[in-house]
N, C-alpha and C. Protein backbone atom coordinates (compact mmCIF):
# COMPACT_ATOMS: atom_id res chain seq x y z
N MET A 1 145.57 64.91 287.41
CA MET A 1 146.44 63.93 286.98
C MET A 1 147.44 63.69 288.01
N ALA A 2 148.32 62.49 288.06
CA ALA A 2 149.34 62.41 289.14
C ALA A 2 150.56 62.62 288.17
N THR A 3 151.61 63.10 289.03
CA THR A 3 152.88 63.22 288.86
C THR A 3 153.55 61.91 288.51
N GLY A 4 154.38 61.96 287.89
CA GLY A 4 155.43 60.69 287.70
C GLY A 4 156.45 60.60 288.94
N PRO A 5 157.12 59.55 289.01
CA PRO A 5 158.12 59.27 290.11
C PRO A 5 159.06 60.84 290.09
N GLY A 6 159.23 61.34 291.21
CA GLY A 6 160.03 62.41 291.17
C GLY A 6 159.41 63.77 291.18
N GLY A 7 158.23 63.82 290.75
CA GLY A 7 157.15 64.90 290.92
C GLY A 7 157.67 65.89 289.61
N ALA A 8 157.09 67.06 290.03
CA ALA A 8 157.26 68.19 289.27
C ALA A 8 158.06 69.38 290.33
N MET A 9 158.97 70.27 289.51
CA MET A 9 159.75 71.15 290.11
C MET A 9 158.88 72.59 290.37
N THR A 10 158.65 73.22 291.24
CA THR A 10 158.09 74.60 291.39
C THR A 10 158.93 75.64 291.92
N ASP A 11 158.96 76.79 291.47
CA ASP A 11 159.87 77.82 291.91
C ASP A 11 159.49 78.23 293.50
N GLU A 12 158.42 78.07 294.07
CA GLU A 12 158.04 78.46 295.37
C GLU A 12 158.32 77.37 296.37
N VAL A 13 158.04 76.28 296.07
CA VAL A 13 158.33 75.20 296.99
C VAL A 13 158.84 73.80 296.70
N GLY A 14 159.78 74.11 295.69
CA GLY A 14 160.57 72.77 295.20
C GLY A 14 159.55 71.71 294.62
N VAL A 15 159.88 70.55 294.92
CA VAL A 15 159.25 69.37 294.14
C VAL A 15 157.89 69.25 294.75
N ILE A 16 156.87 68.88 294.03
CA ILE A 16 155.62 68.33 294.47
C ILE A 16 155.05 67.04 293.68
N THR A 17 154.70 66.29 294.47
CA THR A 17 154.01 64.85 293.98
C THR A 17 152.70 64.75 294.27
N GLY A 18 152.20 63.89 293.64
CA GLY A 18 150.75 63.43 293.89
C GLY A 18 149.88 63.89 292.79
N ASP A 19 148.63 63.97 293.21
CA ASP A 19 147.54 64.30 292.32
C ASP A 19 147.52 66.00 292.15
N VAL A 20 147.55 66.58 290.88
CA VAL A 20 147.77 67.80 290.64
C VAL A 20 146.94 68.30 289.61
N THR A 21 146.75 69.64 289.24
CA THR A 21 146.21 70.23 288.26
C THR A 21 147.22 71.18 287.76
N VAL A 22 147.39 71.05 286.25
CA VAL A 22 148.16 71.97 285.60
C VAL A 22 147.24 73.09 284.68
N VAL A 23 147.66 74.43 284.90
CA VAL A 23 147.07 75.43 283.91
C VAL A 23 148.22 76.19 282.97
N THR A 24 147.93 76.27 281.71
CA THR A 24 148.72 76.80 281.08
C THR A 24 148.10 78.12 280.49
N ALA A 25 148.49 79.38 280.64
CA ALA A 25 147.79 80.54 280.32
C ALA A 25 148.44 81.47 279.45
N PRO A 26 147.94 82.20 278.34
CA PRO A 26 148.70 83.34 277.59
C PRO A 26 149.01 84.33 278.49
N GLN A 27 150.02 85.19 278.45
CA GLN A 27 150.30 86.29 278.86
C GLN A 27 150.21 87.56 278.04
N PRO A 28 150.36 88.70 278.37
CA PRO A 28 150.21 89.74 277.49
C PRO A 28 151.57 89.94 276.63
N ASP A 29 152.55 89.33 277.08
CA ASP A 29 153.89 89.50 276.17
C ASP A 29 154.23 88.49 275.35
N GLY A 30 153.18 87.62 275.00
CA GLY A 30 153.16 86.56 274.05
C GLY A 30 153.65 85.36 274.64
N ARG A 31 154.16 85.22 275.86
CA ARG A 31 154.72 84.17 276.49
C ARG A 31 153.36 83.31 277.20
N ALA A 32 153.60 82.18 277.74
CA ALA A 32 152.68 81.41 278.62
C ALA A 32 153.23 81.32 280.18
N ALA A 33 152.27 81.15 280.87
CA ALA A 33 152.52 80.97 282.24
C ALA A 33 151.98 79.50 282.64
N VAL A 34 152.83 78.87 283.18
CA VAL A 34 152.34 77.50 283.72
C VAL A 34 152.32 77.50 285.00
N ARG A 35 151.23 77.09 285.50
CA ARG A 35 150.93 76.94 287.13
C ARG A 35 150.54 75.65 287.27
N ILE A 36 150.65 75.07 288.63
CA ILE A 36 150.27 73.76 289.06
C ILE A 36 150.07 73.79 290.34
N GLN A 37 148.92 73.00 290.86
CA GLN A 37 148.41 72.95 292.21
C GLN A 37 148.12 71.59 292.65
N TYR A 38 148.19 71.46 293.91
CA TYR A 38 147.59 70.09 294.22
C TYR A 38 146.09 70.09 294.09
N LEU A 39 145.78 68.77 293.54
CA LEU A 39 144.39 68.79 293.38
C LEU A 39 143.58 69.05 294.39
N GLY A 40 142.50 70.15 294.43
CA GLY A 40 141.57 70.61 295.39
C GLY A 40 142.24 71.52 296.35
N ALA A 41 143.34 72.12 296.11
CA ALA A 41 144.07 73.02 296.73
C ALA A 41 143.70 74.47 296.39
N GLU A 42 144.12 75.36 297.15
CA GLU A 42 143.83 76.80 296.70
C GLU A 42 145.01 77.36 296.24
N GLU A 43 146.30 76.92 296.79
CA GLU A 43 147.50 77.56 296.35
C GLU A 43 148.02 76.95 294.88
N TRP A 44 148.41 78.03 294.32
CA TRP A 44 149.02 77.77 292.77
C TRP A 44 150.52 78.01 292.85
N TYR A 45 151.28 77.22 292.14
CA TYR A 45 152.70 77.36 292.29
C TYR A 45 153.50 77.43 290.77
N THR A 46 154.36 78.12 290.61
CA THR A 46 154.86 78.28 289.05
C THR A 46 155.84 77.24 288.77
N LEU A 47 155.45 76.48 287.63
CA LEU A 47 156.23 75.14 287.25
C LEU A 47 157.47 75.78 286.83
N THR A 48 158.68 75.44 287.40
CA THR A 48 159.92 76.01 286.89
C THR A 48 159.93 76.04 285.24
N GLY A 49 160.40 77.23 284.87
CA GLY A 49 160.61 77.38 283.58
C GLY A 49 159.56 78.30 282.86
N SER A 50 158.59 78.56 283.98
CA SER A 50 157.57 79.47 283.52
C SER A 50 157.87 81.12 283.86
N PRO A 51 157.56 81.90 282.98
CA PRO A 51 156.88 81.96 281.69
C PRO A 51 157.54 81.34 280.54
N ALA A 52 156.91 80.60 279.41
CA ALA A 52 157.76 79.98 278.29
C ALA A 52 157.13 80.84 277.25
N ALA A 53 158.27 80.60 276.17
CA ALA A 53 157.72 80.75 274.84
C ALA A 53 156.70 79.70 274.48
N VAL A 54 155.60 80.41 273.55
CA VAL A 54 154.63 79.33 272.85
C VAL A 54 155.23 79.00 271.68
N PRO A 55 155.29 77.70 271.65
CA PRO A 55 155.59 77.04 270.27
C PRO A 55 154.90 77.21 268.93
N PRO A 56 155.44 76.85 267.91
CA PRO A 56 154.70 77.11 266.61
C PRO A 56 153.45 76.47 266.85
N GLY A 57 153.21 75.28 267.41
CA GLY A 57 151.87 74.68 267.52
C GLY A 57 150.83 75.30 268.42
N GLY A 58 151.29 76.31 268.92
CA GLY A 58 150.58 77.12 269.88
C GLY A 58 150.40 76.61 271.19
N LEU A 59 149.31 77.24 272.30
CA LEU A 59 149.46 77.19 273.47
C LEU A 59 148.89 75.72 273.87
N LYS A 60 148.03 74.91 273.08
CA LYS A 60 147.63 73.62 273.37
C LYS A 60 149.06 72.75 273.42
N ALA A 61 149.93 73.00 272.36
CA ALA A 61 150.88 72.07 272.08
C ALA A 61 151.73 72.40 273.14
N LEU A 62 151.94 73.43 273.71
CA LEU A 62 152.78 73.70 274.95
C LEU A 62 152.14 73.07 276.22
N HIS A 63 150.81 73.12 276.46
CA HIS A 63 150.02 72.55 277.54
C HIS A 63 150.14 71.21 277.45
N ASP A 64 150.05 70.50 276.42
CA ASP A 64 150.20 69.04 276.21
C ASP A 64 151.71 68.56 276.50
N ALA A 65 152.73 69.29 276.04
CA ALA A 65 154.08 68.86 276.43
C ALA A 65 154.28 68.89 278.05
N VAL A 66 153.79 70.00 278.70
CA VAL A 66 153.95 70.12 280.03
C VAL A 66 153.27 69.05 280.57
N VAL A 67 152.03 68.61 280.47
CA VAL A 67 151.31 67.42 280.97
C VAL A 67 152.16 66.21 280.70
N ARG A 68 152.76 66.03 279.61
CA ARG A 68 153.54 64.70 279.38
C ARG A 68 154.78 64.90 280.26
N ALA A 69 155.44 66.03 280.51
CA ALA A 69 156.56 65.99 281.36
C ALA A 69 155.88 65.81 282.86
N VAL A 70 155.07 66.54 283.35
CA VAL A 70 154.66 66.24 284.84
C VAL A 70 154.00 64.66 284.96
N ARG A 71 153.52 64.23 283.75
CA ARG A 71 153.10 62.63 284.06
C ARG A 71 154.48 61.89 284.15
N TYR A 72 155.43 62.19 283.39
CA TYR A 72 156.72 61.44 283.45
C TYR A 72 157.48 61.48 284.82
N GLY A 73 157.40 63.05 285.63
CA GLY A 73 158.06 63.10 286.64
C GLY A 73 159.50 63.44 286.41
N SER A 74 160.21 63.00 287.44
CA SER A 74 161.70 63.25 287.35
C SER A 74 161.96 64.84 287.54
N GLU A 75 161.33 65.53 288.59
CA GLU A 75 161.57 67.07 288.86
C GLU A 75 161.06 67.83 287.78
N ALA A 76 160.06 67.50 286.90
CA ALA A 76 159.56 67.87 285.60
C ALA A 76 159.45 69.64 285.89
N VAL A 77 159.96 70.20 284.71
CA VAL A 77 160.01 71.59 284.56
C VAL A 77 159.20 71.76 283.16
N VAL A 78 158.99 72.99 282.91
CA VAL A 78 158.50 73.23 281.54
C VAL A 78 159.44 72.92 280.47
N PRO A 79 158.81 72.10 279.52
CA PRO A 79 159.83 71.35 278.35
C PRO A 79 160.70 72.66 277.64
N GLY A 80 161.54 72.51 277.37
CA GLY A 80 162.63 73.49 276.70
C GLY A 80 163.21 74.27 277.67
N ALA A 81 162.92 74.29 278.96
CA ALA A 81 163.41 75.18 279.92
C ALA A 81 164.59 74.74 280.77
N GLY A 82 165.26 73.85 280.07
CA GLY A 82 166.67 73.26 280.55
C GLY A 82 166.46 71.98 281.68
N GLY A 83 165.50 71.41 281.44
CA GLY A 83 165.23 70.07 282.37
C GLY A 83 164.65 69.02 281.37
N SER A 84 163.23 68.90 281.31
CA SER A 84 162.61 67.85 280.81
C SER A 84 162.61 68.00 279.37
């Protein structure tokens, strides 16, 4: 998928833009890790706001919200993390 204008904010390298892949994975503590990478790259980055609480709708609901935020852009972060 492509990021929206203004891209997505990562903890490691700041804003990234362009074609990306997003993964939302459960952690042992009950939260979810959200990672993002440039399409086809090997390096993964932490989307700012990760790890995040899993909402009542579950991991898929969180992932869907993250995808919407990244597609919107504006330095997207994990929804509910004080940004998008």
